[in-house]
Amino acid sequence: MALTLLVTGVAGFIGSSAAERFLKEKYTMIGIDNFEQNYPQQIKESNLAILSEYDNFRFVEGDFADECFIESLFDKYRITNIIHLGAKTGVRKSISNPIEYIKANLIGTTNLLEQCKKHKIQEFIFASSSSVYGNRLDIPFKEGELIDKPISPYAASKIMAESITYTYHKLYDIKMTILRFFTVYGPRGRPDMAPYIFMNCIVGSKPIIQYGDGDTARDYTFISDIVDGIFEALKRTSNWQYEIINLGNSYPVRLRDFIKEIESVVGKEAEIIVEDPKEGDVSITCADISKARRLLDYNPKIPLKKGLEQMFDWYNSLEEKYDV
């Protein structure tokens, strides 16, 4: 049977990048997005314009946390697979607005799962986050570790969403793949994330705010490597019933070194203002990707310097730069 994919968050950074790969591979796709105003809508509209060039793509504006919208969507289209990449994002923002994160990330995910049950959709891929591991220092992070100490509402909402997907898998025999993403960056990158913010500040000779002493570290993962992982998960989902899989680079980089790499790519030094660490920020992330290698033949290809160079090429191509 030919597949029809539903991709949520299709106008966003990861959503549009993954969707373009699926469309190039000739999958029929329904994409949804609610244009949440966490950054300028023009960015998402530009991403959507790229996807709209494909005849096998149809866009429907709407919010997956809206039960009526989701019901009408599934009643209208014969969807076979769901790739749930949409979410309310941002660790720090979630601390001041937790209810909206629970609504989007837990209730919204449950709305989709209810349609899986009703329409007997057999495969569901869910984008989770390295944030679920909490502030642990024993690296690398392994999928089987207990995730019971989230330090932000965003992380808690992702843990709860993972839990409800497992519940629906057990109750209704829906194939589930949970992909935990580790600090994704690259072209189309969100302007409210550090890679874009730092690049934009250095280019514009504006100071960078560095939270903490620069020793925190992140497992930066280039967007094309993440997309490869999502694509392979879709191809191979029939090989398992339920799996949680890390998608990262397995190479944490300290914040101060990350800033130096961007300085090198841009060709200018940064003016750095040091402030106290922010609540909700973890000390380090690092993915154990042995399971991804085994199940998905996953092999990150883009080192940090090359990835930042590609991101900088894209940044320079933008007609308008954004301060968020």
C-alpha atoms as a PDB file:
ATOM      1  CA  MET A   1       0.000   0.000   0.000  1.00  0.00           C
ATOM      2  CA  ALA A   2       1.298   3.456  -0.896  1.00  0.00           C
ATOM      3  CA  LEU A   3       2.150   5.568   2.124  1.00  0.00           C
ATOM      4  CA  THR A   4       0.692   8.968   2.919  1.00  0.00           C
ATOM      5  CA  LEU A   5       2.716  10.719   5.585  1.00  0.00           C
ATOM      6  CA  LEU A   6       1.454  13.282   8.061  1.00  0.00           C
ATOM      7  CA  VAL A   7       4.340  15.523   9.145  1.00  0.00           C
ATOM      8  CA  THR A   8       3.668  17.925  12.011  1.00  0.00           C
ATOM      9  CA  GLY A   9       5.673  21.118  12.460  1.00  0.00           C
ATOM     10  CA  VAL A  10       6.332  20.975   8.737  1.00  0.00           C
ATOM     11  CA  ALA A  11       7.241  24.668   8.366  1.00  0.00           C
ATOM     12  CA  GLY A  12       9.840  24.595  11.122  1.00  0.00           C
ATOM     13  CA  PHE A  13      13.572  23.923  11.068  1.00  0.00           C
ATOM     14  CA  ILE A  14      13.652  20.135  11.459  1.00  0.00           C
ATOM     15  CA  GLY A  15      10.165  19.612  10.048  1.00  0.00           C
ATOM     16  CA  SER A  16      10.802  21.345   6.738  1.00  0.00           C
ATOM     17  CA  SER A  17      14.239  19.762   6.358  1.00  0.00           C
ATOM     18  CA  ALA A  18      12.886  16.255   6.922  1.00  0.00           C
ATOM     19  CA  ALA A  19       9.818  16.901   4.768  1.00  0.00           C
ATOM     20  CA  GLU A  20      11.935  17.983   1.822  1.00  0.00           C
ATOM     21  CA  ARG A  21      13.882  14.709   2.011  1.00  0.00           C
ATOM     22  CA  PHE A  22      10.662  12.661   2.027  1.00  0.00           C
ATOM     23  CA  LEU A  23       9.236  14.646  -0.866  1.00  0.00           C
ATOM     24  CA  LYS A  24      12.383  14.099  -2.924  1.00  0.00           C
ATOM     25  CA  GLU A  25      11.929  10.388  -2.265  1.00  0.00           C
ATOM     26  CA  LYS A  26       8.409  10.676  -3.790  1.00  0.00           C
ATOM     27  CA  TYR A  27       6.382  10.105  -0.623  1.00  0.00           C
ATOM     28  CA  THR A  28       2.913  11.639  -0.594  1.00  0.00           C
ATOM     29  CA  MET A  29       2.733  14.068   2.302  1.00  0.00           C
ATOM     30  CA  ILE A  30       0.258  16.124   4.289  1.00  0.00           C
ATOM     31  CA  GLY A  31       2.088  18.772   6.310  1.00  0.00           C
ATOM     32  CA  ILE A  32       0.607  20.785   9.161  1.00  0.00           C
ATOM     33  CA  ASP A  33       1.862  23.779  11.115  1.00  0.00           C
ATOM     34  CA  ASN A  34       0.189  26.423  13.259  1.00  0.00           C
ATOM     35  CA  PHE A  35       2.842  29.142  12.687  1.00  0.00           C
ATOM     36  CA  GLU A  36       3.398  29.535  16.409  1.00  0.00           C
ATOM     37  CA  GLN A  37       4.904  32.959  17.038  1.00  0.00           C
ATOM     38  CA  ASN A  38       8.078  31.842  18.790  1.00  0.00           C
ATOM     39  CA  TYR A  39      10.028  33.502  15.979  1.00  0.00           C
ATOM     40  CA  PRO A  40       9.136  35.494  12.836  1.00  0.00           C
ATOM     41  CA  GLN A  41       6.546  33.782  10.645  1.00  0.00           C
ATOM     42  CA  GLN A  42       8.399  34.849   7.485  1.00  0.00           C
ATOM     43  CA  ILE A  43      11.037  32.202   8.250  1.00  0.00           C
ATOM     44  CA  LYS A  44       8.465  29.416   8.330  1.00  0.00           C
ATOM     45  CA  GLU A  45       6.754  30.769   5.233  1.00  0.00           C
ATOM     46  CA  SER A  46      10.092  30.642   3.394  1.00  0.00           C
ATOM     47  CA  ASN A  47      10.544  27.016   4.451  1.00  0.00           C
ATOM     48  CA  LEU A  48       7.020  26.215   3.329  1.00  0.00           C
ATOM     49  CA  ALA A  49       7.577  27.848  -0.054  1.00  0.00           C
ATOM     50  CA  ILE A  50      10.349  25.326  -0.745  1.00  0.00           C
ATOM     51  CA  LEU A  51       8.055  22.397   0.052  1.00  0.00           C
ATOM     52  CA  SER A  52       5.190  23.824  -1.976  1.00  0.00           C
ATOM     53  CA  GLU A  53       7.227  23.320  -5.149  1.00  0.00           C
ATOM     54  CA  TYR A  54       6.564  19.582  -4.864  1.00  0.00           C
ATOM     55  CA  ASP A  55       3.403  18.143  -6.412  1.00  0.00           C
ATOM     56  CA  ASN A  56       3.263  15.387  -3.777  1.00  0.00           C
ATOM     57  CA  PHE A  57       2.895  17.897  -0.919  1.00  0.00           C
ATOM     58  CA  ARG A  58      -0.240  19.401   0.568  1.00  0.00           C
ATOM     59  CA  PHE A  59      -0.155  21.926   3.423  1.00  0.00           C
ATOM     60  CA  VAL A  60      -2.951  22.398   5.943  1.00  0.00           C
ATOM     61  CA  GLU A  61      -2.623  25.158   8.527  1.00  0.00           C
ATOM     62  CA  GLY A  62      -3.703  24.090  11.995  1.00  0.00           C
ATOM     63  CA  ASP A  63      -2.735  23.118  15.520  1.00  0.00           C
ATOM     64  CA  PHE A  64      -2.369  19.458  16.499  1.00  0.00           C
ATOM     65  CA  ALA A  65      -3.389  20.455  20.047  1.00  0.00           C
ATOM     66  CA  ASP A  66      -6.796  21.367  18.595  1.00  0.00           C
ATOM     67  CA  GLU A  67      -8.828  18.165  18.824  1.00  0.00           C
ATOM     68  CA  CYS A  68     -11.471  19.267  16.321  1.00  0.00           C
ATOM     69  CA  PHE A  69      -8.854  20.235  13.738  1.00  0.00           C
ATOM     70  CA  ILE A  70      -7.056  16.911  14.043  1.00  0.00           C
ATOM     71  CA  GLU A  71     -10.293  14.924  13.793  1.00  0.00           C
ATOM     72  CA  SER A  72     -11.308  16.749  10.624  1.00  0.00           C
ATOM     73  CA  LEU A  73      -7.834  16.258   9.120  1.00  0.00           C
ATOM     74  CA  PHE A  74      -7.917  12.482   9.588  1.00  0.00           C
ATOM     75  CA  ASP A  75     -11.499  12.270   8.357  1.00  0.00           C
ATOM     76  CA  LYS A  76     -10.489  14.035   5.136  1.00  0.00           C
ATOM     77  CA  TYR A  77      -7.158  12.379   4.313  1.00  0.00           C
ATOM     78  CA  ARG A  78      -6.169   8.696   4.273  1.00  0.00           C
ATOM     79  CA  ILE A  79      -3.023   9.032   6.359  1.00  0.00           C
ATOM     80  CA  THR A  80      -0.925   5.891   6.845  1.00  0.00           C
ATOM     81  CA  ASN A  81       2.079   7.108   8.873  1.00  0.00           C
ATOM     82  CA  ILE A  82       2.660   9.964  11.310  1.00  0.00           C
ATOM     83  CA  ILE A  83       5.993  11.721  11.752  1.00  0.00           C
ATOM     84  CA  HIS A  84       5.391  13.968  14.733  1.00  0.00           C
ATOM     85  CA  LEU A  85       8.129  16.620  14.609  1.00  0.00           C
ATOM     86  CA  GLY A  86       6.044  19.554  15.830  1.00  0.00           C
ATOM     87  CA  ALA A  87       6.372  20.776  19.412  1.00  0.00           C
ATOM     88  CA  LYS A  88       6.404  23.827  21.607  1.00  0.00           C
ATOM     89  CA  THR A  89      10.143  24.309  22.008  1.00  0.00           C
ATOM     90  CA  GLY A  90      12.519  26.154  24.290  1.00  0.00           C
ATOM     91  CA  VAL A  91      13.781  25.058  27.683  1.00  0.00           C
ATOM     92  CA  ARG A  92      13.988  28.524  29.231  1.00  0.00           C
ATOM     93  CA  LYS A  93      10.661  29.752  27.881  1.00  0.00           C
ATOM     94  CA  SER A  94       8.927  26.703  29.314  1.00  0.00           C
ATOM     95  CA  ILE A  95       9.775  27.771  32.868  1.00  0.00           C
ATOM     96  CA  SER A  96       7.640  30.899  32.570  1.00  0.00           C
ATOM     97  CA  ASN A  97       4.854  29.266  30.548  1.00  0.00           C
ATOM     98  CA  PRO A  98       4.559  25.581  31.539  1.00  0.00           C
ATOM     99  CA  ILE A  99       0.859  25.098  30.818  1.00  0.00           C
ATOM    100  CA  GLU A 100       1.271  25.892  27.131  1.00  0.00           C
ATOM    101  CA  TYR A 101       4.046  23.298  26.889  1.00  0.00           C
ATOM    102  CA  ILE A 102       1.885  20.608  28.454  1.00  0.00           C
ATOM    103  CA  LYS A 103      -0.978  21.551  26.140  1.00  0.00           C
ATOM    104  CA  ALA A 104       1.122  21.352  22.981  1.00  0.00           C
ATOM    105  CA  ASN A 105       3.535  18.547  23.764  1.00  0.00           C
ATOM    106  CA  LEU A 106       1.377  16.201  25.830  1.00  0.00           C
ATOM    107  CA  ILE A 107      -2.223  16.923  24.876  1.00  0.00           C
ATOM    108  CA  GLY A 108      -1.291  17.573  21.246  1.00  0.00           C
ATOM    109  CA  THR A 109       0.565  14.269  21.031  1.00  0.00           C
ATOM    110  CA  THR A 110      -2.377  12.472  22.637  1.00  0.00           C
ATOM    111  CA  ASN A 111      -4.735  13.977  20.045  1.00  0.00           C
ATOM    112  CA  LEU A 112      -2.616  12.410  17.310  1.00  0.00           C
ATOM    113  CA  LEU A 113      -2.484   9.073  19.117  1.00  0.00           C
ATOM    114  CA  GLU A 114      -6.257   9.053  19.433  1.00  0.00           C
ATOM    115  CA  GLN A 115      -6.456   9.284  15.653  1.00  0.00           C
ATOM    116  CA  CYS A 116      -3.932   6.448  15.360  1.00  0.00           C
ATOM    117  CA  LYS A 117      -6.344   4.349  17.401  1.00  0.00           C
ATOM    118  CA  LYS A 118      -9.470   5.472  15.540  1.00  0.00           C
ATOM    119  CA  HIS A 119      -8.036   5.112  12.026  1.00  0.00           C
ATOM    120  CA  LYS A 120      -5.821   2.100  12.772  1.00  0.00           C
ATOM    121  CA  ILE A 121      -2.628   3.882  11.776  1.00  0.00           C
ATOM    122  CA  GLN A 122       0.168   1.417  12.381  1.00  0.00           C
ATOM    123  CA  GLU A 123       3.327   3.528  12.521  1.00  0.00           C
ATOM    124  CA  PHE A 124       4.083   6.617  14.607  1.00  0.00           C
ATOM    125  CA  ILE A 125       7.468   8.373  14.792  1.00  0.00           C
ATOM    126  CA  PHE A 126       7.840  10.863  17.624  1.00  0.00           C
ATOM    127  CA  ALA A 127      10.552  13.505  17.973  1.00  0.00           C
ATOM    128  CA  SER A 128      11.731  13.688  21.567  1.00  0.00           C
ATOM    129  CA  SER A 129      14.717  15.497  23.047  1.00  0.00           C
ATOM    130  CA  SER A 130      17.992  14.996  24.873  1.00  0.00           C
ATOM    131  CA  SER A 131      16.414  17.201  27.564  1.00  0.00           C
ATOM    132  CA  VAL A 132      14.621  14.142  28.943  1.00  0.00           C
ATOM    133  CA  TYR A 133      17.909  12.871  30.398  1.00  0.00           C
ATOM    134  CA  GLY A 134      18.064  15.743  32.868  1.00  0.00           C
ATOM    135  CA  ASN A 135      21.221  17.175  34.380  1.00  0.00           C
ATOM    136  CA  ARG A 136      23.334  14.031  34.531  1.00  0.00           C
ATOM    137  CA  LEU A 137      27.093  13.954  34.123  1.00  0.00           C
ATOM    138  CA  ASP A 138      27.619  10.264  33.318  1.00  0.00           C
ATOM    139  CA  ILE A 139      28.071  10.239  29.555  1.00  0.00           C
ATOM    140  CA  PRO A 140      27.172   9.108  26.990  1.00  0.00           C
ATOM    141  CA  PHE A 141      23.414   9.068  27.584  1.00  0.00           C
ATOM    142  CA  LYS A 142      21.873   5.668  26.887  1.00  0.00           C
ATOM    143  CA  GLU A 143      18.275   5.042  25.902  1.00  0.00           C
ATOM    144  CA  GLY A 144      17.656   2.553  28.691  1.00  0.00           C
ATOM    145  CA  GLU A 145      18.494   4.962  31.506  1.00  0.00           C
ATOM    146  CA  LEU A 146      15.786   6.086  33.907  1.00  0.00           C
ATOM    147  CA  ILE A 147      14.438   9.521  32.944  1.00  0.00           C
ATOM    148  CA  ASP A 148      12.748  10.678  36.122  1.00  0.00           C
ATOM    149  CA  LYS A 149      14.498  13.974  36.931  1.00  0.00           C
ATOM    150  CA  PRO A 150      13.611  16.606  34.296  1.00  0.00           C
ATOM    151  CA  ILE A 151      14.754  20.113  35.199  1.00  0.00           C
ATOM    152  CA  SER A 152      12.414  22.113  32.956  1.00  0.00           C
ATOM    153  CA  PRO A 153       8.726  21.918  32.018  1.00  0.00           C
ATOM    154  CA  TYR A 154       9.824  21.381  28.408  1.00  0.00           C
ATOM    155  CA  ALA A 155      11.784  18.265  29.391  1.00  0.00           C
ATOM    156  CA  ALA A 156       8.920  17.064  31.581  1.00  0.00           C
ATOM    157  CA  SER A 157       6.439  17.517  28.720  1.00  0.00           C
ATOM    158  CA  LYS A 158       8.612  15.392  26.441  1.00  0.00           C
ATOM    159  CA  ILE A 159       8.916  12.655  29.069  1.00  0.00           C
ATOM    160  CA  MET A 160       5.149  12.629  29.497  1.00  0.00           C
ATOM    161  CA  ALA A 161       4.658  12.504  25.736  1.00  0.00           C
ATOM    162  CA  GLU A 162       7.046   9.550  25.483  1.00  0.00           C
ATOM    163  CA  SER A 163       5.059   7.795  28.209  1.00  0.00           C
ATOM    164  CA  ILE A 164       1.709   8.278  26.498  1.00  0.00           C
ATOM    165  CA  THR A 165       3.088   6.951  23.200  1.00  0.00           C
ATOM    166  CA  TYR A 166       4.137   3.764  24.985  1.00  0.00           C
ATOM    167  CA  THR A 167       0.678   3.459  26.533  1.00  0.00           C
ATOM    168  CA  TYR A 168      -0.983   3.633  23.108  1.00  0.00           C
ATOM    169  CA  HIS A 169       1.519   1.152  21.719  1.00  0.00           C
ATOM    170  CA  LYS A 170       0.646  -1.379  24.422  1.00  0.00           C
ATOM    171  CA  LEU A 171      -3.107  -0.812  24.290  1.00  0.00           C
ATOM    172  CA  TYR A 172      -3.613  -0.617  20.534  1.00  0.00           C
ATOM    173  CA  ASP A 173      -0.590  -2.376  18.994  1.00  0.00           C
ATOM    174  CA  ILE A 174       0.688   0.738  17.225  1.00  0.00           C
ATOM    175  CA  LYS A 175       4.282   0.594  16.038  1.00  0.00           C
ATOM    176  CA  MET A 176       6.240   3.368  17.776  1.00  0.00           C
ATOM    177  CA  THR A 177       9.658   4.924  17.249  1.00  0.00           C
ATOM    178  CA  ILE A 178      10.853   7.638  19.628  1.00  0.00           C
ATOM    179  CA  LEU A 179      13.823   9.612  18.343  1.00  0.00           C
ATOM    180  CA  ARG A 180      15.699  11.706  20.905  1.00  0.00           C
ATOM    181  CA  PHE A 181      17.387  14.625  19.129  1.00  0.00           C
ATOM    182  CA  PHE A 182      20.585  16.220  20.444  1.00  0.00           C
ATOM    183  CA  THR A 183      21.109  19.985  19.794  1.00  0.00           C
ATOM    184  CA  VAL A 184      20.321  20.212  16.099  1.00  0.00           C
ATOM    185  CA  TYR A 185      21.890  23.036  14.044  1.00  0.00           C
ATOM    186  CA  GLY A 186      22.416  23.972  10.408  1.00  0.00           C
ATOM    187  CA  PRO A 187      20.710  25.767   7.504  1.00  0.00           C
ATOM    188  CA  ARG A 188      17.143  26.932   8.333  1.00  0.00           C
ATOM    189  CA  GLY A 189      18.193  26.860  12.004  1.00  0.00           C
ATOM    190  CA  ARG A 190      15.879  28.544  14.455  1.00  0.00           C
ATOM    191  CA  PRO A 191      16.836  32.173  15.185  1.00  0.00           C
ATOM    192  CA  ASP A 192      16.088  31.669  18.890  1.00  0.00           C
ATOM    193  CA  MET A 193      18.791  29.005  19.287  1.00  0.00           C
ATOM    194  CA  ALA A 194      22.432  29.593  20.192  1.00  0.00           C
ATOM    195  CA  PRO A 195      24.042  28.721  16.826  1.00  0.00           C
ATOM    196  CA  TYR A 196      22.019  31.352  14.971  1.00  0.00           C
ATOM    197  CA  ILE A 197      22.115  33.893  17.800  1.00  0.00           C
ATOM    198  CA  PHE A 198      25.897  33.676  18.153  1.00  0.00           C
ATOM    199  CA  MET A 199      26.482  33.839  14.407  1.00  0.00           C
ATOM    200  CA  ASN A 200      24.152  36.808  14.037  1.00  0.00           C
ATOM    201  CA  CYS A 201      25.731  38.683  16.957  1.00  0.00           C
ATOM    202  CA  ILE A 202      29.288  38.200  15.728  1.00  0.00           C
ATOM    203  CA  VAL A 203      28.411  39.300  12.188  1.00  0.00           C
ATOM    204  CA  GLY A 204      26.601  42.371  13.539  1.00  0.00           C
ATOM    205  CA  SER A 205      29.320  43.228  16.103  1.00  0.00           C
ATOM    206  CA  LYS A 206      26.855  42.755  18.941  1.00  0.00           C
ATOM    207  CA  PRO A 207      27.795  41.123  22.249  1.00  0.00           C
ATOM    208  CA  ILE A 208      27.092  37.457  22.925  1.00  0.00           C
ATOM    209  CA  ILE A 209      25.567  36.553  26.273  1.00  0.00           C
ATOM    210  CA  GLN A 210      27.444  33.533  27.632  1.00  0.00           C
ATOM    211  CA  TYR A 211      25.610  31.885  30.502  1.00  0.00           C
ATOM    212  CA  GLY A 212      28.128  30.400  32.907  1.00  0.00           C
ATOM    213  CA  ASP A 213      31.879  29.943  32.615  1.00  0.00           C
ATOM    214  CA  GLY A 214      31.791  28.281  29.194  1.00  0.00           C
ATOM    215  CA  ASP A 215      32.341  24.751  30.484  1.00  0.00           C
ATOM    216  CA  THR A 216      28.842  23.506  29.661  1.00  0.00           C
ATOM    217  CA  ALA A 217      28.891  21.226  26.625  1.00  0.00           C
ATOM    218  CA  ARG A 218      26.436  20.151  23.955  1.00  0.00           C
ATOM    219  CA  ASP A 219      26.333  17.304  21.469  1.00  0.00           C
ATOM    220  CA  TYR A 220      25.813  19.465  18.369  1.00  0.00           C
ATOM    221  CA  THR A 221      24.260  17.452  15.537  1.00  0.00           C
ATOM    222  CA  PHE A 222      23.999  18.692  11.964  1.00  0.00           C
ATOM    223  CA  ILE A 223      20.540  18.800  10.430  1.00  0.00           C
ATOM    224  CA  SER A 224      21.294  16.450   7.522  1.00  0.00           C
ATOM    225  CA  ASP A 225      22.474  13.771   9.956  1.00  0.00           C
ATOM    226  CA  ILE A 226      19.228  14.107  11.921  1.00  0.00           C
ATOM    227  CA  VAL A 227      17.201  13.918   8.703  1.00  0.00           C
ATOM    228  CA  ASP A 228      19.094  10.768   7.692  1.00  0.00           C
ATOM    229  CA  GLY A 229      18.102   9.213  11.012  1.00  0.00           C
ATOM    230  CA  ILE A 230      14.423  10.152  10.625  1.00  0.00           C
ATOM    231  CA  PHE A 231      14.355   8.844   7.071  1.00  0.00           C
ATOM    232  CA  GLU A 232      15.933   5.520   8.026  1.00  0.00           C
ATOM    233  CA  ALA A 233      13.512   5.182  10.929  1.00  0.00           C
ATOM    234  CA  LEU A 234      10.574   5.475   8.532  1.00  0.00           C
ATOM    235  CA  LYS A 235      12.086   2.887   6.181  1.00  0.00           C
ATOM    236  CA  ARG A 236      12.826   0.414   8.976  1.00  0.00           C
ATOM    237  CA  THR A 237       9.934   0.856  11.412  1.00  0.00           C
ATOM    238  CA  SER A 238       8.475  -2.469  10.305  1.00  0.00           C
ATOM    239  CA  ASN A 239      11.521  -4.161  11.878  1.00  0.00           C
ATOM    240  CA  TRP A 240      10.328  -3.469  15.426  1.00  0.00           C
ATOM    241  CA  GLN A 241       7.269  -2.748  17.520  1.00  0.00           C
ATOM    242  CA  TYR A 242       8.597  -0.076  19.889  1.00  0.00           C
ATOM    243  CA  GLU A 243      12.039   1.544  20.089  1.00  0.00           C
ATOM    244  CA  ILE A 244      13.668   4.606  21.635  1.00  0.00           C
ATOM    245  CA  ILE A 245      16.699   5.761  19.656  1.00  0.00           C
ATOM    246  CA  ASN A 246      19.181   8.587  20.247  1.00  0.00           C
ATOM    247  CA  LEU A 247      20.118  10.737  17.259  1.00  0.00           C
ATOM    248  CA  GLY A 248      23.199  12.756  18.094  1.00  0.00           C
ATOM    249  CA  ASN A 249      26.821  13.215  17.138  1.00  0.00           C
ATOM    250  CA  SER A 250      28.304  11.612  20.290  1.00  0.00           C
ATOM    251  CA  TYR A 251      30.886  14.379  20.566  1.00  0.00           C
ATOM    252  CA  PRO A 252      30.105  17.115  23.124  1.00  0.00           C
ATOM    253  CA  VAL A 253      31.672  20.544  22.559  1.00  0.00           C
ATOM    254  CA  ARG A 254      32.216  23.064  25.357  1.00  0.00           C
ATOM    255  CA  LEU A 255      30.399  26.372  24.988  1.00  0.00           C
ATOM    256  CA  ARG A 256      33.591  28.428  24.891  1.00  0.00           C
ATOM    257  CA  ASP A 257      34.975  26.180  22.128  1.00  0.00           C
ATOM    258  CA  PHE A 258      31.720  26.369  20.207  1.00  0.00           C
ATOM    259  CA  ILE A 259      31.930  30.175  20.220  1.00  0.00           C
ATOM    260  CA  LYS A 260      35.531  29.973  18.966  1.00  0.00           C
ATOM    261  CA  GLU A 261      34.429  27.755  16.088  1.00  0.00           C
ATOM    262  CA  ILE A 262      31.801  30.291  15.054  1.00  0.00           C
ATOM    263  CA  GLU A 263      34.380  33.092  15.342  1.00  0.00           C
ATOM    264  CA  SER A 264      36.621  31.124  12.986  1.00  0.00           C
ATOM    265  CA  VAL A 265      33.841  30.550  10.456  1.00  0.00           C
ATOM    266  CA  VAL A 266      32.635  34.167  10.516  1.00  0.00           C
ATOM    267  CA  GLY A 267      36.165  35.589  10.584  1.00  0.00           C
ATOM    268  CA  LYS A 268      35.544  37.956  13.526  1.00  0.00           C
ATOM    269  CA  GLU A 269      36.029  37.815  17.263  1.00  0.00           C
ATOM    270  CA  ALA A 270      33.024  37.840  19.539  1.00  0.00           C
ATOM    271  CA  GLU A 271      32.387  40.319  22.290  1.00  0.00           C
ATOM    272  CA  ILE A 272      31.306  38.114  25.197  1.00  0.00           C
ATOM    273  CA  ILE A 273      29.300  39.129  28.244  1.00  0.00           C
ATOM    274  CA  VAL A 274      29.281  36.468  30.949  1.00  0.00           C
ATOM    275  CA  GLU A 275      26.127  36.034  33.016  1.00  0.00           C
ATOM    276  CA  ASP A 276      24.999  33.484  35.595  1.00  0.00           C
ATOM    277  CA  PRO A 277      23.741  30.121  34.320  1.00  0.00           C
ATOM    278  CA  LYS A 278      20.044  29.922  33.492  1.00  0.00           C
ATOM    279  CA  GLU A 279      17.567  27.691  35.256  1.00  0.00           C
ATOM    280  CA  GLY A 280      16.688  24.633  33.184  1.00  0.00           C
ATOM    281  CA  ASP A 281      20.046  24.430  31.394  1.00  0.00           C
ATOM    282  CA  VAL A 282      21.914  21.144  31.752  1.00  0.00           C
ATOM    283  CA  SER A 283      25.676  20.842  32.134  1.00  0.00           C
ATOM    284  CA  ILE A 284      26.318  18.442  29.253  1.00  0.00           C
ATOM    285  CA  THR A 285      24.624  16.342  26.602  1.00  0.00           C
ATOM    286  CA  CYS A 286      26.192  13.410  24.808  1.00  0.00           C
ATOM    287  CA  ALA A 287      24.374  10.687  22.894  1.00  0.00           C
ATOM    288  CA  ASP A 288      25.223   7.025  22.928  1.00  0.00           C
ATOM    289  CA  ILE A 289      24.437   6.292  19.274  1.00  0.00           C
ATOM    290  CA  SER A 290      25.329   2.597  19.240  1.00  0.00           C
ATOM    291  CA  LYS A 291      21.652   1.653  18.997  1.00  0.00           C
ATOM    292  CA  ALA A 292      21.095   4.067  16.102  1.00  0.00           C
ATOM    293  CA  ARG A 293      24.111   2.581  14.315  1.00  0.00           C
ATOM    294  CA  ARG A 294      22.726  -0.923  14.785  1.00  0.00           C
ATOM    295  CA  LEU A 295      19.064  -0.305  13.935  1.00  0.00           C
ATOM    296  CA  LEU A 296      19.287   2.582  11.462  1.00  0.00           C
ATOM    297  CA  ASP A 297      22.801   2.235  10.052  1.00  0.00           C
ATOM    298  CA  TYR A 298      23.127   5.778  11.413  1.00  0.00           C
ATOM    299  CA  ASN A 299      26.519   7.401  10.919  1.00  0.00           C
ATOM    300  CA  PRO A 300      26.884  11.171  11.503  1.00  0.00           C
ATOM    301  CA  LYS A 301      28.889  12.586   8.609  1.00  0.00           C
ATOM    302  CA  ILE A 302      29.192  16.330   9.233  1.00  0.00           C
ATOM    303  CA  PRO A 303      31.822  17.583  11.719  1.00  0.00           C
ATOM    304  CA  LEU A 304      31.144  20.821  13.578  1.00  0.00           C
ATOM    305  CA  LYS A 305      33.390  23.105  11.521  1.00  0.00           C
ATOM    306  CA  LYS A 306      31.946  21.910   8.211  1.00  0.00           C
ATOM    307  CA  GLY A 307      28.406  22.152   9.555  1.00  0.00           C
ATOM    308  CA  LEU A 308      28.923  25.711  10.762  1.00  0.00           C
ATOM    309  CA  GLU A 309      30.394  26.660   7.395  1.00  0.00           C
ATOM    310  CA  GLN A 310      27.281  25.349   5.656  1.00  0.00           C
ATOM    311  CA  MET A 311      25.092  27.182   8.141  1.00  0.00           C
ATOM    312  CA  PHE A 312      27.044  30.408   7.570  1.00  0.00           C
ATOM    313  CA  ASP A 313      26.610  30.080   3.792  1.00  0.00           C
ATOM    314  CA  TRP A 314      22.867  29.791   4.349  1.00  0.00           C
ATOM    315  CA  TYR A 315      22.890  32.713   6.810  1.00  0.00           C
ATOM    316  CA  ASN A 316      24.634  34.924   4.257  1.00  0.00           C
ATOM    317  CA  SER A 317      21.990  34.017   1.668  1.00  0.00           C
ATOM    318  CA  LEU A 318      19.165  35.409   3.827  1.00  0.00           C
ATOM    319  CA  GLU A 319      17.691  38.654   2.608  1.00  0.00           C
ATOM    320  CA  GLU A 320      16.738  39.569   6.150  1.00  0.00           C
ATOM    321  CA  LYS A 321      18.516  38.731   9.414  1.00  0.00           C
ATOM    322  CA  TYR A 322      16.488  38.228  12.577  1.00  0.00           C
ATOM    323  CA  ASP A 323      17.048  39.247  16.178  1.00  0.00           C
ATOM    324  CA  VAL A 324      14.871  37.203  18.542  1.00  0.00           C
END
